[in-house]
Amino acid sequence: MYDTNIENIGKNIKYFRHTRNMSIETLGKAINKSKATIARYENSEIIPDILTILEICNVFNIDFNDICTKSMHTVEEQNTKSPFESDMLYLYYI
């Protein structure tokens, strides 16, 4: 399923832009949008339309699923949790 949460889409755009060491200006020029518009996408003030998302995916060379899934930061945080931070206790009888 796709994540339609506007905040996660904005965070993913920012995440992929940072991982590619790309400035807001460079991304804006690549998809014919202003710096202000890109900043508004990343700050989740507005959501890009489907064609803009596809253009962003082409610039970053990523799949549509990558940008429309849960935020990359959320996935990284989930991977760093300790398995011992749980209220569950499992008891096995052999």
Protein backbone atom coordinates (compact mmCIF):
# COMPACT_ATOMS: atom_id res chain seq x y z
CA MET A 1 0.00 0.00 0.00
CA TYR A 2 1.02 3.57 -0.58
CA ASP A 3 1.40 6.02 2.27
CA THR A 4 -0.74 9.07 1.53
CA ASN A 5 0.46 10.99 4.58
CA ILE A 6 1.67 14.32 3.22
CA GLU A 7 4.36 14.57 5.92
CA ASN A 8 6.01 11.30 4.91
CA ILE A 9 6.13 12.24 1.23
CA GLY A 10 7.79 15.55 2.10
CA LYS A 11 10.28 13.84 4.41
CA ASN A 12 11.13 11.30 1.71
CA ILE A 13 11.76 14.01 -0.87
CA LYS A 14 14.08 15.75 1.57
CA TYR A 15 15.77 12.45 2.51
CA PHE A 16 16.54 11.48 -1.10
CA ARG A 17 17.70 15.01 -1.94
CA HIS A 18 20.12 14.96 1.00
CA THR A 19 21.44 11.46 0.22
CA ARG A 20 22.32 12.68 -3.27
CA ASN A 21 23.90 15.90 -1.98
CA MET A 22 21.50 17.90 -4.12
CA SER A 23 20.45 21.46 -3.34
CA ILE A 24 16.87 22.66 -3.44
CA GLU A 25 17.81 24.85 -6.41
CA THR A 26 19.21 21.91 -8.38
CA LEU A 27 16.11 19.79 -7.80
CA GLY A 28 13.87 22.72 -8.67
CA LYS A 29 15.67 23.33 -11.96
CA ALA A 30 15.52 19.63 -12.83
CA ILE A 31 11.72 19.54 -12.52
CA ASN A 32 11.00 23.19 -13.48
CA LYS A 33 9.81 24.27 -10.03
CA SER A 34 10.94 27.15 -7.85
CA LYS A 35 13.06 26.77 -4.72
CA ALA A 36 10.07 27.91 -2.67
CA THR A 37 7.87 25.18 -4.13
CA ILE A 38 10.44 22.46 -3.39
CA ALA A 39 10.82 23.77 0.16
CA ARG A 40 7.04 23.70 0.59
CA TYR A 41 6.97 20.07 -0.62
CA GLU A 42 9.67 19.11 1.87
CA ASN A 43 8.01 20.98 4.75
CA SER A 44 4.71 19.25 3.93
CA GLU A 45 2.94 22.55 3.33
CA ILE A 46 1.74 21.35 -0.08
CA ILE A 47 1.72 17.97 -1.78
CA PRO A 48 3.11 17.50 -5.29
CA ASP A 49 0.81 16.18 -8.00
CA ILE A 50 1.40 12.74 -9.46
CA LEU A 51 3.37 13.98 -12.49
CA THR A 52 5.67 16.02 -10.26
CA ILE A 53 6.27 13.00 -8.02
CA LEU A 54 7.17 10.95 -11.10
CA GLU A 55 9.57 13.69 -12.26
CA ILE A 56 11.18 13.71 -8.81
CA CYS A 57 11.52 9.91 -8.96
CA ASN A 58 13.22 10.21 -12.36
CA VAL A 59 15.67 12.82 -11.04
CA PHE A 60 16.56 10.65 -8.03
CA ASN A 61 16.46 7.45 -10.13
CA ILE A 62 14.11 5.79 -7.64
CA ASP A 63 10.85 3.90 -7.90
CA PHE A 64 7.48 5.50 -7.15
CA ASN A 65 7.15 3.10 -4.20
CA ASP A 66 10.29 4.55 -2.59
CA ILE A 67 8.87 8.04 -2.31
CA CYS A 68 5.33 7.00 -1.37
CA THR A 69 6.15 4.66 1.49
CA LYS A 70 6.67 5.41 5.12
CA SER A 71 9.38 7.94 5.81
CA MET A 72 12.94 6.65 5.52
CA HIS A 73 13.67 8.18 8.91
CA THR A 74 10.87 6.11 10.45
CA VAL A 75 12.27 2.91 8.92
CA GLU A 76 15.75 3.68 10.23
CA GLU A 77 14.40 4.41 13.72
CA GLN A 78 12.51 1.10 13.75
CA ASN A 79 15.69 -0.78 12.82
CA THR A 80 17.63 0.72 15.73
CA LYS A 81 15.21 -0.35 18.46
CA SER A 82 16.51 -2.89 20.90
CA PRO A 83 14.60 -6.18 20.94
CA PHE A 84 14.78 -6.09 24.74
CA GLU A 85 12.64 -2.96 24.97
CA SER A 86 9.39 -4.83 25.18
CA ASP A 87 6.75 -5.59 27.75
CA MET A 88 6.32 -9.08 26.38
CA LEU A 89 7.94 -12.07 28.02
CA TYR A 90 8.01 -15.35 26.15
CA LEU A 91 8.33 -18.58 28.05
CA TYR A 92 9.03 -21.81 26.23
CA TYR A 93 8.44 -25.26 27.67
CA ILE A 94 10.39 -28.11 26.12
